[in-house]
Amino acid sequence: MTALPPIALSVRQPSAWAIIHGGKDVENRSLGAIRAGRMGPGRIAIHAASGMKQAEYAYLA
């Protein structure tokens, strides 16, 4: 088994499912979030945050 990547992207469901299984290949983040997370090209882990707010559901629907 390969070790987990050192960086994870935290997203809410159903976005986590769509990234892994549904072909979602774009996740927009602000430049500040990218710098704060020290993100760069390469492998990342996906973290599915629990719960979803009504506005998030409406946006994704």
C-alpha atoms as a PDB file:
ATOM      1  CA  MET A   1       0.000   0.000   0.000  1.00  0.00           C
ATOM      2  CA  THR A   2       1.240   3.477  -0.880  1.00  0.00           C
ATOM      3  CA  ALA A   3       1.608   6.079   1.875  1.00  0.00           C
ATOM      4  CA  LEU A   4      -1.017   8.819   1.961  1.00  0.00           C
ATOM      5  CA  PRO A   5      -0.072  12.170   0.404  1.00  0.00           C
ATOM      6  CA  PRO A   6       1.057  14.809   2.930  1.00  0.00           C
ATOM      7  CA  ILE A   7      -1.609  17.327   1.814  1.00  0.00           C
ATOM      8  CA  ALA A   8      -5.396  16.907   1.872  1.00  0.00           C
ATOM      9  CA  LEU A   9      -8.202  18.852   0.230  1.00  0.00           C
ATOM     10  CA  SER A  10     -11.247  19.171   2.486  1.00  0.00           C
ATOM     11  CA  VAL A  11     -14.575  19.411   0.643  1.00  0.00           C
ATOM     12  CA  ARG A  12     -18.174  18.665   1.574  1.00  0.00           C
ATOM     13  CA  GLN A  13     -20.300  15.919   0.094  1.00  0.00           C
ATOM     14  CA  PRO A  14     -21.296  15.368  -2.669  1.00  0.00           C
ATOM     15  CA  SER A  15     -18.220  17.187  -4.010  1.00  0.00           C
ATOM     16  CA  ALA A  16     -15.851  14.627  -2.441  1.00  0.00           C
ATOM     17  CA  TRP A  17     -17.704  11.799  -4.195  1.00  0.00           C
ATOM     18  CA  ALA A  18     -17.711  13.712  -7.490  1.00  0.00           C
ATOM     19  CA  ILE A  19     -13.944  14.294  -7.304  1.00  0.00           C
ATOM     20  CA  ILE A  20     -13.218  10.599  -6.683  1.00  0.00           C
ATOM     21  CA  HIS A  21     -15.908   8.860  -8.768  1.00  0.00           C
ATOM     22  CA  GLY A  22     -17.839  11.377 -10.842  1.00  0.00           C
ATOM     23  CA  GLY A  23     -15.191  13.011 -13.003  1.00  0.00           C
ATOM     24  CA  LYS A  24     -15.080  16.371 -11.176  1.00  0.00           C
ATOM     25  CA  ASP A  25     -11.599  17.581 -12.083  1.00  0.00           C
ATOM     26  CA  VAL A  26     -11.725  21.255 -11.042  1.00  0.00           C
ATOM     27  CA  GLU A  27     -11.905  22.627  -7.494  1.00  0.00           C
ATOM     28  CA  ASN A  28     -11.523  26.390  -7.331  1.00  0.00           C
ATOM     29  CA  ARG A  29      -9.658  27.802  -4.330  1.00  0.00           C
ATOM     30  CA  SER A  30      -8.515  31.340  -3.599  1.00  0.00           C
ATOM     31  CA  LEU A  31      -4.822  32.152  -3.902  1.00  0.00           C
ATOM     32  CA  GLY A  32      -4.784  32.752  -0.137  1.00  0.00           C
ATOM     33  CA  ALA A  33      -6.116  29.241   0.513  1.00  0.00           C
ATOM     34  CA  ILE A  34      -3.536  27.728  -1.806  1.00  0.00           C
ATOM     35  CA  ARG A  35      -0.694  29.572  -0.085  1.00  0.00           C
ATOM     36  CA  ALA A  36      -2.002  28.798   3.425  1.00  0.00           C
ATOM     37  CA  GLY A  37      -2.227  25.101   2.567  1.00  0.00           C
ATOM     38  CA  ARG A  38       1.171  25.109   0.871  1.00  0.00           C
ATOM     39  CA  MET A  39      -0.455  23.388  -2.093  1.00  0.00           C
ATOM     40  CA  GLY A  40       1.353  22.585  -5.290  1.00  0.00           C
ATOM     41  CA  PRO A  41       1.206  20.118  -8.151  1.00  0.00           C
ATOM     42  CA  GLY A  42       1.139  16.449  -7.187  1.00  0.00           C
ATOM     43  CA  ARG A  43      -0.937  13.861  -5.362  1.00  0.00           C
ATOM     44  CA  ILE A  44      -3.342  14.925  -2.607  1.00  0.00           C
ATOM     45  CA  ALA A  45      -5.761  13.172  -0.282  1.00  0.00           C
ATOM     46  CA  ILE A  46      -9.474  14.028  -0.352  1.00  0.00           C
ATOM     47  CA  HIS A  47     -11.195  14.684   2.995  1.00  0.00           C
ATOM     48  CA  ALA A  48     -14.986  14.573   3.030  1.00  0.00           C
ATOM     49  CA  ALA A  49     -16.170  17.118   5.578  1.00  0.00           C
ATOM     50  CA  SER A  50     -19.351  16.169   7.425  1.00  0.00           C
ATOM     51  CA  GLY A  51     -22.626  17.940   6.887  1.00  0.00           C
ATOM     52  CA  MET A  52     -23.831  20.407   4.319  1.00  0.00           C
ATOM     53  CA  LYS A  53     -25.486  23.796   4.637  1.00  0.00           C
ATOM     54  CA  GLN A  54     -28.746  24.532   2.791  1.00  0.00           C
ATOM     55  CA  ALA A  55     -27.040  27.133   0.558  1.00  0.00           C
ATOM     56  CA  GLU A  56     -24.326  24.618  -0.398  1.00  0.00           C
ATOM     57  CA  TYR A  57     -26.940  22.014  -1.305  1.00  0.00           C
ATOM     58  CA  ALA A  58     -28.867  24.517  -3.418  1.00  0.00           C
ATOM     59  CA  TYR A  59     -25.663  25.582  -5.209  1.00  0.00           C
ATOM     60  CA  LEU A  60     -24.632  22.004  -6.019  1.00  0.00           C
ATOM     61  CA  ALA A  61     -28.136  20.901  -7.012  1.00  0.00           C
END
